[in-house]
Amino acid sequence: MLRGFDASMKIELKNLKDTGRNVMRRLGYAEHFDRATNQFSYVRRFEREFYPRFHVYVEEQVGELVINLHLDMKQASYAGAHAHSGEYEGPLLERERERILSIINKS
């Protein structure tokens, strides 16, 4: 479990024949490195603006991938903060979950 992100919508994918990085790229997500946490994650923007965006942390084991999905509404309010205005459930996240599963099931 990732610290601070246990409220995320989880999507478990099994029997994968590709790496998590390649799967996330195929889903339209870009790799994102957070220097504050020294951790990689993935983001997918709605438009040209950086926020709001879908934000994903990935837990990977051989043939399995757990996607921890949430929605970042805006950047943290002050320097050094990790907290942000995020959503962890709702119709946008449900639609994104269905989009992800649809793409995975087609491949």
PDB file of N, CA and C in Angstrom:
ATOM      1  N   MET A   1       0.842  -1.185   0.000  1.00  0.00           N
ATOM      2  CA  MET A   1       0.000   0.000   0.000  1.00  0.00           C
ATOM      3  C   MET A   1       0.884   1.243   0.000  1.00  0.00           C
ATOM      4  N   LEU A   2       0.525   2.238  -0.760  1.00  0.00           N
ATOM      5  CA  LEU A   2       1.285   3.478  -0.825  1.00  0.00           C
ATOM      6  C   LEU A   2       0.837   4.404   0.294  1.00  0.00           C
ATOM      7  N   ARG A   3       1.779   5.013   0.963  1.00  0.00           N
ATOM      8  CA  ARG A   3       1.458   5.913   2.067  1.00  0.00           C
ATOM      9  C   ARG A   3       0.621   7.089   1.580  1.00  0.00           C
ATOM     10  N   GLY A   4      -0.464   7.354   2.271  1.00  0.00           N
ATOM     11  CA  GLY A   4      -1.265   8.524   1.979  1.00  0.00           C
ATOM     12  C   GLY A   4      -2.212   8.389   0.810  1.00  0.00           C
ATOM     13  N   PHE A   5      -2.221   7.257   0.143  1.00  0.00           N
ATOM     14  CA  PHE A   5      -3.055   7.115  -1.041  1.00  0.00           C
ATOM     15  C   PHE A   5      -3.976   5.911  -0.951  1.00  0.00           C
ATOM     16  N   ASP A   6      -4.312   5.498   0.281  1.00  0.00           N
ATOM     17  CA  ASP A   6      -5.121   4.303   0.440  1.00  0.00           C
ATOM     18  C   ASP A   6      -6.589   4.527   0.115  1.00  0.00           C
ATOM     19  N   ALA A   7      -7.008   5.768  -0.097  1.00  0.00           N
ATOM     20  CA  ALA A   7      -8.403   6.034  -0.450  1.00  0.00           C
ATOM     21  C   ALA A   7      -8.621   5.994  -1.957  1.00  0.00           C
ATOM     22  N   SER A   8      -7.589   5.749  -2.725  1.00  0.00           N
ATOM     23  CA  SER A   8      -7.695   5.742  -4.180  1.00  0.00           C
ATOM     24  C   SER A   8      -8.597   4.627  -4.680  1.00  0.00           C
ATOM     25  N   MET A   9      -9.159   4.847  -5.855  1.00  0.00           N
ATOM     26  CA  MET A   9      -9.909   3.798  -6.528  1.00  0.00           C
ATOM     27  C   MET A   9      -8.887   2.799  -7.052  1.00  0.00           C
ATOM     28  N   LYS A  10      -9.040   1.539  -6.691  1.00  0.00           N
ATOM     29  CA  LYS A  10      -8.084   0.515  -7.121  1.00  0.00           C
ATOM     30  C   LYS A  10      -8.644  -0.273  -8.289  1.00  0.00           C
ATOM     31  N   ILE A  11      -7.773  -0.505  -9.263  1.00  0.00           N
ATOM     32  CA  ILE A  11      -8.102  -1.328 -10.419  1.00  0.00           C
ATOM     33  C   ILE A  11      -7.034  -2.412 -10.483  1.00  0.00           C
ATOM     34  N   GLU A  12      -7.445  -3.665 -10.344  1.00  0.00           N
ATOM     35  CA  GLU A  12      -6.501  -4.779 -10.367  1.00  0.00           C
ATOM     36  C   GLU A  12      -6.538  -5.456 -11.725  1.00  0.00           C
ATOM     37  N   LEU A  13      -5.372  -5.543 -12.349  1.00  0.00           N
ATOM     38  CA  LEU A  13      -5.239  -6.179 -13.658  1.00  0.00           C
ATOM     39  C   LEU A  13      -4.340  -7.395 -13.511  1.00  0.00           C
ATOM     40  N   LYS A  14      -4.781  -8.515 -14.061  1.00  0.00           N
ATOM     41  CA  LYS A  14      -4.019  -9.760 -13.936  1.00  0.00           C
ATOM     42  C   LYS A  14      -3.721 -10.350 -15.304  1.00  0.00           C
ATOM     43  N   ASN A  15      -2.759 -11.252 -15.327  1.00  0.00           N
ATOM     44  CA  ASN A  15      -2.349 -11.960 -16.545  1.00  0.00           C
ATOM     45  C   ASN A  15      -1.853 -11.016 -17.639  1.00  0.00           C
ATOM     46  N   LEU A  16      -1.117  -9.997 -17.248  1.00  0.00           N
ATOM     47  CA  LEU A  16      -0.554  -9.060 -18.213  1.00  0.00           C
ATOM     48  C   LEU A  16       0.753  -9.605 -18.763  1.00  0.00           C
ATOM     49  N   LYS A  17       1.009  -9.298 -20.014  1.00  0.00           N
ATOM     50  CA  LYS A  17       2.245  -9.749 -20.646  1.00  0.00           C
ATOM     51  C   LYS A  17       3.171  -8.578 -20.951  1.00  0.00           C
ATOM     52  N   ASP A  18       2.902  -7.436 -20.337  1.00  0.00           N
ATOM     53  CA  ASP A  18       3.686  -6.233 -20.588  1.00  0.00           C
ATOM     54  C   ASP A  18       4.021  -5.570 -19.252  1.00  0.00           C
ATOM     55  N   THR A  19       4.955  -4.635 -19.286  1.00  0.00           N
ATOM     56  CA  THR A  19       5.346  -3.921 -18.071  1.00  0.00           C
ATOM     57  C   THR A  19       4.282  -2.886 -17.708  1.00  0.00           C
ATOM     58  N   GLY A  20       4.268  -2.509 -16.443  1.00  0.00           N
ATOM     59  CA  GLY A  20       3.347  -1.472 -15.989  1.00  0.00           C
ATOM     60  C   GLY A  20       3.536  -0.174 -16.747  1.00  0.00           C
ATOM     61  N   ARG A  21       4.780   0.176 -17.003  1.00  0.00           N
ATOM     62  CA  ARG A  21       5.085   1.411 -17.738  1.00  0.00           C
ATOM     63  C   ARG A  21       4.452   1.388 -19.127  1.00  0.00           C
ATOM     64  N   ASN A  22       4.595   0.277 -19.845  1.00  0.00           N
ATOM     65  CA  ASN A  22       4.017   0.171 -21.185  1.00  0.00           C
ATOM     66  C   ASN A  22       2.494   0.169 -21.146  1.00  0.00           C
ATOM     67  N   VAL A  23       1.929  -0.500 -20.146  1.00  0.00           N
ATOM     68  CA  VAL A  23       0.468  -0.514 -19.998  1.00  0.00           C
ATOM     69  C   VAL A  23      -0.037   0.903 -19.775  1.00  0.00           C
ATOM     70  N   MET A  24       0.611   1.640 -18.887  1.00  0.00           N
ATOM     71  CA  MET A  24       0.161   3.006 -18.593  1.00  0.00           C
ATOM     72  C   MET A  24       0.298   3.910 -19.812  1.00  0.00           C
ATOM     73  N   ARG A  25       1.341   3.752 -20.582  1.00  0.00           N
ATOM     74  CA  ARG A  25       1.498   4.525 -21.820  1.00  0.00           C
ATOM     75  C   ARG A  25       0.377   4.214 -22.811  1.00  0.00           C
ATOM     76  N   ARG A  26       0.048   2.930 -22.945  1.00  0.00           N
ATOM     77  CA  ARG A  26      -1.026   2.522 -23.844  1.00  0.00           C
ATOM     78  C   ARG A  26      -2.365   3.121 -23.395  1.00  0.00           C
ATOM     79  N   LEU A  27      -2.501   3.340 -22.093  1.00  0.00           N
ATOM     80  CA  LEU A  27      -3.722   3.939 -21.546  1.00  0.00           C
ATOM     81  C   LEU A  27      -3.739   5.458 -21.671  1.00  0.00           C
ATOM     82  N   GLY A  28      -2.655   6.039 -22.186  1.00  0.00           N
ATOM     83  CA  GLY A  28      -2.605   7.488 -22.391  1.00  0.00           C
ATOM     84  C   GLY A  28      -2.027   8.269 -21.233  1.00  0.00           C
ATOM     85  N   TYR A  29      -1.353   7.595 -20.325  1.00  0.00           N
ATOM     86  CA  TYR A  29      -0.764   8.258 -19.157  1.00  0.00           C
ATOM     87  C   TYR A  29       0.713   8.546 -19.394  1.00  0.00           C
ATOM     88  N   ALA A  30       1.169   9.671 -18.870  1.00  0.00           N
ATOM     89  CA  ALA A  30       2.572  10.066 -18.963  1.00  0.00           C
ATOM     90  C   ALA A  30       3.243   9.824 -17.612  1.00  0.00           C
ATOM     91  N   GLU A  31       4.485   9.398 -17.668  1.00  0.00           N
ATOM     92  CA  GLU A  31       5.242   9.170 -16.445  1.00  0.00           C
ATOM     93  C   GLU A  31       5.517  10.504 -15.755  1.00  0.00           C
ATOM     94  N   HIS A  32       5.423  10.504 -14.444  1.00  0.00           N
ATOM     95  CA  HIS A  32       5.633  11.723 -13.649  1.00  0.00           C
ATOM     96  C   HIS A  32       6.527  11.368 -12.468  1.00  0.00           C
ATOM     97  N   PHE A  33       7.598  12.128 -12.268  1.00  0.00           N
ATOM     98  CA  PHE A  33       8.505  11.892 -11.141  1.00  0.00           C
ATOM     99  C   PHE A  33       8.354  13.019 -10.133  1.00  0.00           C
ATOM    100  N   ASP A  34       8.043  12.666  -8.895  1.00  0.00           N
ATOM    101  CA  ASP A  34       7.893  13.640  -7.815  1.00  0.00           C
ATOM    102  C   ASP A  34       9.203  13.688  -7.034  1.00  0.00           C
ATOM    103  N   ARG A  35       9.912  14.782  -7.138  1.00  0.00           N
ATOM    104  CA  ARG A  35      11.203  14.911  -6.461  1.00  0.00           C
ATOM    105  C   ARG A  35      11.057  14.921  -4.945  1.00  0.00           C
ATOM    106  N   ALA A  36       9.934  15.410  -4.456  1.00  0.00           N
ATOM    107  CA  ALA A  36       9.721  15.477  -3.009  1.00  0.00           C
ATOM    108  C   ALA A  36       9.618  14.090  -2.390  1.00  0.00           C
ATOM    109  N   THR A  37       8.982  13.158  -3.087  1.00  0.00           N
ATOM    110  CA  THR A  37       8.802  11.803  -2.549  1.00  0.00           C
ATOM    111  C   THR A  37       9.748  10.793  -3.187  1.00  0.00           C
ATOM    112  N   ASN A  38      10.456  11.223  -4.239  1.00  0.00           N
ATOM    113  CA  ASN A  38      11.358  10.345  -4.979  1.00  0.00           C
ATOM    114  C   ASN A  38      10.597   9.136  -5.530  1.00  0.00           C
ATOM    115  N   GLN A  39       9.388   9.395  -6.044  1.00  0.00           N
ATOM    116  CA  GLN A  39       8.500   8.327  -6.481  1.00  0.00           C
ATOM    117  C   GLN A  39       7.943   8.627  -7.877  1.00  0.00           C
ATOM    118  N   PHE A  40       7.835   7.571  -8.703  1.00  0.00           N
ATOM    119  CA  PHE A  40       7.224   7.698 -10.016  1.00  0.00           C
ATOM    120  C   PHE A  40       5.731   7.450  -9.909  1.00  0.00           C
ATOM    121  N   SER A  41       4.977   8.161 -10.720  1.00  0.00           N
ATOM    122  CA  SER A  41       3.545   7.932 -10.861  1.00  0.00           C
ATOM    123  C   SER A  41       3.200   8.277 -12.304  1.00  0.00           C
ATOM    124  N   TYR A  42       1.921   8.287 -12.622  1.00  0.00           N
ATOM    125  CA  TYR A  42       1.481   8.574 -13.985  1.00  0.00           C
ATOM    126  C   TYR A  42       0.314   9.550 -13.945  1.00  0.00           C
ATOM    127  N   VAL A  43       0.259  10.427 -14.946  1.00  0.00           N
ATOM    128  CA  VAL A  43      -0.818  11.408 -15.019  1.00  0.00           C
ATOM    129  C   VAL A  43      -1.418  11.425 -16.422  1.00  0.00           C
ATOM    130  N   ARG A  44      -2.697  11.774 -16.466  1.00  0.00           N
ATOM    131  CA  ARG A  44      -3.387  11.987 -17.743  1.00  0.00           C
ATOM    132  C   ARG A  44      -4.232  13.231 -17.590  1.00  0.00           C
ATOM    133  N   ARG A  45      -3.935  14.211 -18.431  1.00  0.00           N
ATOM    134  CA  ARG A  45      -4.627  15.500 -18.364  1.00  0.00           C
ATOM    135  C   ARG A  45      -5.939  15.464 -19.125  1.00  0.00           C
ATOM    136  N   PHE A  46      -6.824  16.361 -18.741  1.00  0.00           N
ATOM    137  CA  PHE A  46      -8.091  16.534 -19.447  1.00  0.00           C
ATOM    138  C   PHE A  46      -7.900  17.412 -20.677  1.00  0.00           C
ATOM    139  N   GLU A  47      -7.115  18.474 -20.482  1.00  0.00           N
ATOM    140  CA  GLU A  47      -6.861  19.444 -21.545  1.00  0.00           C
ATOM    141  C   GLU A  47      -5.403  19.852 -21.480  1.00  0.00           C
ATOM    142  N   ARG A  48      -5.078  21.000 -22.020  1.00  0.00           N
ATOM    143  CA  ARG A  48      -3.690  21.480 -22.026  1.00  0.00           C
ATOM    144  C   ARG A  48      -3.202  21.872 -20.641  1.00  0.00           C
ATOM    145  N   GLU A  49      -4.111  22.303 -19.784  1.00  0.00           N
ATOM    146  CA  GLU A  49      -3.744  22.704 -18.424  1.00  0.00           C
ATOM    147  C   GLU A  49      -3.274  21.491 -17.628  1.00  0.00           C
ATOM    148  N   PHE A  50      -2.407  21.727 -16.648  1.00  0.00           N
ATOM    149  CA  PHE A  50      -1.865  20.630 -15.853  1.00  0.00           C
ATOM    150  C   PHE A  50      -2.900  20.054 -14.887  1.00  0.00           C
ATOM    151  N   TYR A  51      -3.851  20.881 -14.458  1.00  0.00           N
ATOM    152  CA  TYR A  51      -4.938  20.453 -13.556  1.00  0.00           C
ATOM    153  C   TYR A  51      -6.264  20.856 -14.151  1.00  0.00           C
ATOM    154  N   PRO A  52      -7.321  20.099 -13.917  1.00  0.00           N
ATOM    155  CA  PRO A  52      -7.355  18.818 -13.216  1.00  0.00           C
ATOM    156  C   PRO A  52      -6.727  17.720 -14.063  1.00  0.00           C
ATOM    157  N   ARG A  53      -6.383  16.628 -13.407  1.00  0.00           N
ATOM    158  CA  ARG A  53      -5.760  15.499 -14.097  1.00  0.00           C
ATOM    159  C   ARG A  53      -6.037  14.214 -13.330  1.00  0.00           C
ATOM    160  N   PHE A  54      -6.049  13.105 -14.061  1.00  0.00           N
ATOM    161  CA  PHE A  54      -6.074  11.809 -13.413  1.00  0.00           C
ATOM    162  C   PHE A  54      -4.650  11.514 -12.965  1.00  0.00           C
ATOM    163  N   HIS A  55      -4.514  10.955 -11.775  1.00  0.00           N
ATOM    164  CA  HIS A  55      -3.201  10.672 -11.211  1.00  0.00           C
ATOM    165  C   HIS A  55      -3.205   9.233 -10.707  1.00  0.00           C
ATOM    166  N   VAL A  56      -2.180   8.473 -11.089  1.00  0.00           N
ATOM    167  CA  VAL A  56      -2.139   7.043 -10.821  1.00  0.00           C
ATOM    168  C   VAL A  56      -0.811   6.653 -10.174  1.00  0.00           C
ATOM    169  N   TYR A  57      -0.924   5.862  -9.129  1.00  0.00           N
ATOM    170  CA  TYR A  57       0.231   5.165  -8.569  1.00  0.00           C
ATOM    171  C   TYR A  57       0.057   3.701  -8.927  1.00  0.00           C
ATOM    172  N   VAL A  58       1.148   3.048  -9.265  1.00  0.00           N
ATOM    173  CA  VAL A  58       1.090   1.676  -9.748  1.00  0.00           C
ATOM    174  C   VAL A  58       1.888   0.760  -8.825  1.00  0.00           C
ATOM    175  N   GLU A  59       1.287  -0.368  -8.474  1.00  0.00           N
ATOM    176  CA  GLU A  59       1.973  -1.447  -7.760  1.00  0.00           C
ATOM    177  C   GLU A  59       2.082  -2.588  -8.758  1.00  0.00           C
ATOM    178  N   GLU A  60       3.308  -3.038  -9.003  1.00  0.00           N
ATOM    179  CA  GLU A  60       3.522  -4.025 -10.060  1.00  0.00           C
ATOM    180  C   GLU A  60       4.209  -5.270  -9.530  1.00  0.00           C
ATOM    181  N   GLN A  61       3.666  -6.414  -9.944  1.00  0.00           N
ATOM    182  CA  GLN A  61       4.288  -7.713  -9.728  1.00  0.00           C
ATOM    183  C   GLN A  61       4.224  -8.428 -11.065  1.00  0.00           C
ATOM    184  N   VAL A  62       4.950  -9.515 -11.204  1.00  0.00           N
ATOM    185  CA  VAL A  62       4.988 -10.227 -12.476  1.00  0.00           C
ATOM    186  C   VAL A  62       3.574 -10.589 -12.916  1.00  0.00           C
ATOM    187  N   GLY A  63       3.167 -10.077 -14.073  1.00  0.00           N
ATOM    188  CA  GLY A  63       1.869 -10.388 -14.644  1.00  0.00           C
ATOM    189  C   GLY A  63       0.685  -9.696 -13.999  1.00  0.00           C
ATOM    190  N   GLU A  64       0.918  -8.911 -12.947  1.00  0.00           N
ATOM    191  CA  GLU A  64      -0.174  -8.231 -12.248  1.00  0.00           C
ATOM    192  C   GLU A  64       0.155  -6.760 -12.045  1.00  0.00           C
ATOM    193  N   LEU A  65      -0.902  -5.967 -12.069  1.00  0.00           N
ATOM    194  CA  LEU A  65      -0.748  -4.526 -11.903  1.00  0.00           C
ATOM    195  C   LEU A  65      -1.931  -4.024 -11.090  1.00  0.00           C
ATOM    196  N   VAL A  66      -1.651  -3.244 -10.057  1.00  0.00           N
ATOM    197  CA  VAL A  66      -2.713  -2.586  -9.299  1.00  0.00           C
ATOM    198  C   VAL A  66      -2.555  -1.094  -9.555  1.00  0.00           C
ATOM    199  N   ILE A  67      -3.610  -0.505 -10.104  1.00  0.00           N
ATOM    200  CA  ILE A  67      -3.630   0.919 -10.408  1.00  0.00           C
ATOM    201  C   ILE A  67      -4.416   1.618  -9.311  1.00  0.00           C
ATOM    202  N   ASN A  68      -3.771   2.564  -8.627  1.00  0.00           N
ATOM    203  CA  ASN A  68      -4.417   3.376  -7.606  1.00  0.00           C
ATOM    204  C   ASN A  68      -4.732   4.731  -8.242  1.00  0.00           C
ATOM    205  N   LEU A  69      -5.995   4.936  -8.562  1.00  0.00           N
ATOM    206  CA  LEU A  69      -6.433   6.082  -9.357  1.00  0.00           C
ATOM    207  C   LEU A  69      -7.122   7.129  -8.490  1.00  0.00           C
ATOM    208  N   HIS A  70      -6.768   8.384  -8.701  1.00  0.00           N
ATOM    209  CA  HIS A  70      -7.512   9.484  -8.113  1.00  0.00           C
ATOM    210  C   HIS A  70      -7.462  10.680  -9.047  1.00  0.00           C
ATOM    211  N   LEU A  71      -8.184  11.710  -8.712  1.00  0.00           N
ATOM    212  CA  LEU A  71      -8.286  12.902  -9.539  1.00  0.00           C
ATOM    213  C   LEU A  71      -7.693  14.076  -8.783  1.00  0.00           C
ATOM    214  N   ASP A  72      -6.629  14.673  -9.326  1.00  0.00           N
ATOM    215  CA  ASP A  72      -6.044  15.892  -8.753  1.00  0.00           C
ATOM    216  C   ASP A  72      -6.786  17.087  -9.330  1.00  0.00           C
ATOM    217  N   MET A  73      -7.423  17.859  -8.472  1.00  0.00           N
ATOM    218  CA  MET A  73      -8.156  19.027  -8.937  1.00  0.00           C
ATOM    219  C   MET A  73      -7.257  20.253  -9.062  1.00  0.00           C
ATOM    220  N   LYS A  74      -6.243  20.346  -8.179  1.00  0.00           N
ATOM    221  CA  LYS A  74      -5.308  21.464  -8.235  1.00  0.00           C
ATOM    222  C   LYS A  74      -4.031  21.084  -7.513  1.00  0.00           C
ATOM    223  N   GLN A  75      -3.033  21.909  -7.686  1.00  0.00           N
ATOM    224  CA  GLN A  75      -1.740  21.687  -7.045  1.00  0.00           C
ATOM    225  C   GLN A  75      -1.858  21.960  -5.546  1.00  0.00           C
ATOM    226  N   ALA A  76      -0.910  21.412  -4.766  1.00  0.00           N
ATOM    227  CA  ALA A  76      -0.884  21.686  -3.329  1.00  0.00           C
ATOM    228  C   ALA A  76      -0.864  23.186  -3.090  1.00  0.00           C
ATOM    229  N   SER A  77      -1.510  23.624  -2.043  1.00  0.00           N
ATOM    230  CA  SER A  77      -1.711  25.050  -1.787  1.00  0.00           C
ATOM    231  C   SER A  77      -0.473  25.796  -1.327  1.00  0.00           C
ATOM    232  N   TYR A  78       0.493  25.112  -0.732  1.00  0.00           N
ATOM    233  CA  TYR A  78       1.667  25.802  -0.233  1.00  0.00           C
ATOM    234  C   TYR A  78       2.911  24.937  -0.416  1.00  0.00           C
ATOM    235  N   ALA A  79       4.069  25.572  -0.423  1.00  0.00           N
ATOM    236  CA  ALA A  79       5.339  24.886  -0.680  1.00  0.00           C
ATOM    237  C   ALA A  79       5.581  23.784   0.343  1.00  0.00           C
ATOM    238  N   GLY A  80       6.049  22.652  -0.120  1.00  0.00           N
ATOM    239  CA  GLY A  80       6.358  21.538   0.744  1.00  0.00           C
ATOM    240  C   GLY A  80       5.165  20.669   1.092  1.00  0.00           C
ATOM    241  N   ALA A  81       3.994  21.061   0.634  1.00  0.00           N
ATOM    242  CA  ALA A  81       2.780  20.308   0.951  1.00  0.00           C
ATOM    243  C   ALA A  81       2.605  19.145  -0.013  1.00  0.00           C
ATOM    244  N   HIS A  82       2.119  18.035   0.499  1.00  0.00           N
ATOM    245  CA  HIS A  82       1.788  16.901  -0.348  1.00  0.00           C
ATOM    246  C   HIS A  82       0.281  16.801  -0.524  1.00  0.00           C
ATOM    247  N   ALA A  83      -0.460  17.417   0.388  1.00  0.00           N
ATOM    248  CA  ALA A  83      -1.914  17.382   0.296  1.00  0.00           C
ATOM    249  C   ALA A  83      -2.377  18.271  -0.847  1.00  0.00           C
ATOM    250  N   HIS A  84      -3.412  17.848  -1.536  1.00  0.00           N
ATOM    251  CA  HIS A  84      -3.953  18.601  -2.641  1.00  0.00           C
ATOM    252  C   HIS A  84      -5.459  18.384  -2.670  1.00  0.00           C
ATOM    253  N   SER A  85      -6.110  19.130  -3.505  1.00  0.00           N
ATOM    254  CA  SER A  85      -7.548  18.957  -3.644  1.00  0.00           C
ATOM    255  C   SER A  85      -7.769  17.785  -4.584  1.00  0.00           C
ATOM    256  N   GLY A  86      -8.028  16.621  -4.023  1.00  0.00           N
ATOM    257  CA  GLY A  86      -8.178  15.415  -4.825  1.00  0.00           C
ATOM    258  C   GLY A  86      -9.517  14.756  -4.604  1.00  0.00           C
ATOM    259  N   GLU A  87      -9.948  14.010  -5.601  1.00  0.00           N
ATOM    260  CA  GLU A  87     -11.170  13.239  -5.496  1.00  0.00           C
ATOM    261  C   GLU A  87     -10.816  11.766  -5.646  1.00  0.00           C
ATOM    262  N   TYR A  88     -11.482  10.926  -4.867  1.00  0.00           N
ATOM    263  CA  TYR A  88     -11.169   9.508  -4.837  1.00  0.00           C
ATOM    264  C   TYR A  88     -12.354   8.637  -5.244  1.00  0.00           C
ATOM    265  N   GLU A  89     -13.471   9.264  -5.568  1.00  0.00           N
ATOM    266  CA  GLU A  89     -14.644   8.554  -6.058  1.00  0.00           C
ATOM    267  C   GLU A  89     -15.516   9.536  -6.820  1.00  0.00           C
ATOM    268  N   GLY A  90     -16.445   9.005  -7.577  1.00  0.00           N
ATOM    269  CA  GLY A  90     -17.360   9.851  -8.328  1.00  0.00           C
ATOM    270  C   GLY A  90     -17.438   9.442  -9.786  1.00  0.00           C
ATOM    271  N   PRO A  91     -18.335  10.106 -10.530  1.00  0.00           N
ATOM    272  CA  PRO A  91     -18.598   9.706 -11.912  1.00  0.00           C
ATOM    273  C   PRO A  91     -17.393   9.821 -12.845  1.00  0.00           C
ATOM    274  N   LEU A  92     -16.564  10.844 -12.684  1.00  0.00           N
ATOM    275  CA  LEU A  92     -15.381  10.967 -13.547  1.00  0.00           C
ATOM    276  C   LEU A  92     -14.431   9.791 -13.357  1.00  0.00           C
ATOM    277  N   LEU A  93     -14.212   9.413 -12.118  1.00  0.00           N
ATOM    278  CA  LEU A  93     -13.329   8.286 -11.840  1.00  0.00           C
ATOM    279  C   LEU A  93     -13.941   6.971 -12.295  1.00  0.00           C
ATOM    280  N   GLU A  94     -15.242   6.826 -12.161  1.00  0.00           N
ATOM    281  CA  GLU A  94     -15.909   5.616 -12.652  1.00  0.00           C
ATOM    282  C   GLU A  94     -15.761   5.491 -14.169  1.00  0.00           C
ATOM    283  N   ARG A  95     -15.942   6.609 -14.875  1.00  0.00           N
ATOM    284  CA  ARG A  95     -15.788   6.582 -16.337  1.00  0.00           C
ATOM    285  C   ARG A  95     -14.353   6.263 -16.732  1.00  0.00           C
ATOM    286  N   GLU A  96     -13.388   6.821 -16.010  1.00  0.00           N
ATOM    287  CA  GLU A  96     -11.988   6.533 -16.318  1.00  0.00           C
ATOM    288  C   GLU A  96     -11.681   5.062 -16.044  1.00  0.00           C
ATOM    289  N   ARG A  97     -12.221   4.516 -14.980  1.00  0.00           N
ATOM    290  CA  ARG A  97     -12.046   3.098 -14.681  1.00  0.00           C
ATOM    291  C   ARG A  97     -12.595   2.250 -15.825  1.00  0.00           C
ATOM    292  N   GLU A  98     -13.777   2.574 -16.312  1.00  0.00           N
ATOM    293  CA  GLU A  98     -14.380   1.827 -17.418  1.00  0.00           C
ATOM    294  C   GLU A  98     -13.563   1.974 -18.698  1.00  0.00           C
ATOM    295  N   ARG A  99     -13.022   3.166 -18.943  1.00  0.00           N
ATOM    296  CA  ARG A  99     -12.172   3.395 -20.121  1.00  0.00           C
ATOM    297  C   ARG A  99     -10.929   2.517 -20.042  1.00  0.00           C
ATOM    298  N   ILE A 100     -10.295   2.473 -18.876  1.00  0.00           N
ATOM    299  CA  ILE A 100      -9.097   1.664 -18.677  1.00  0.00           C
ATOM    300  C   ILE A 100      -9.402   0.193 -18.908  1.00  0.00           C
ATOM    301  N   LEU A 101     -10.474  -0.305 -18.295  1.00  0.00           N
ATOM    302  CA  LEU A 101     -10.820  -1.714 -18.448  1.00  0.00           C
ATOM    303  C   LEU A 101     -11.172  -2.062 -19.887  1.00  0.00           C
ATOM    304  N   SER A 102     -11.808  -1.155 -20.578  1.00  0.00           N
ATOM    305  CA  SER A 102     -12.171  -1.370 -21.980  1.00  0.00           C
ATOM    306  C   SER A 102     -10.916  -1.529 -22.850  1.00  0.00           C
ATOM    307  N   ILE A 103      -9.948  -0.663 -22.638  1.00  0.00           N
ATOM    308  CA  ILE A 103      -8.695  -0.722 -23.413  1.00  0.00           C
ATOM    309  C   ILE A 103      -7.932  -2.005 -23.088  1.00  0.00           C
ATOM    310  N   ILE A 104      -7.853  -2.351 -21.821  1.00  0.00           N
ATOM    311  CA  ILE A 104      -7.139  -3.562 -21.410  1.00  0.00           C
ATOM    312  C   ILE A 104      -7.813  -4.800 -21.979  1.00  0.00           C
ATOM    313  N   ASN A 105      -9.145  -4.849 -21.958  1.00  0.00           N
ATOM    314  CA  ASN A 105      -9.871  -6.015 -22.451  1.00  0.00           C
ATOM    315  C   ASN A 105      -9.743  -6.175 -23.965  1.00  0.00           C
ATOM    316  N   LYS A 106      -9.500  -5.083 -24.690  1.00  0.00           N
ATOM    317  CA  LYS A 106      -9.323  -5.156 -26.151  1.00  0.00           C
ATOM    318  C   LYS A 106      -7.940  -5.635 -26.540  1.00  0.00           C
ATOM    319  N   SER A 107      -6.985  -5.489 -25.637  1.00  0.00           N
ATOM    320  CA  SER A 107      -5.602  -5.858 -26.008  1.00  0.00           C
ATOM    321  C   SER A 107      -5.264  -7.272 -25.621  1.00  0.00           C
TER     322      SER A 107
END
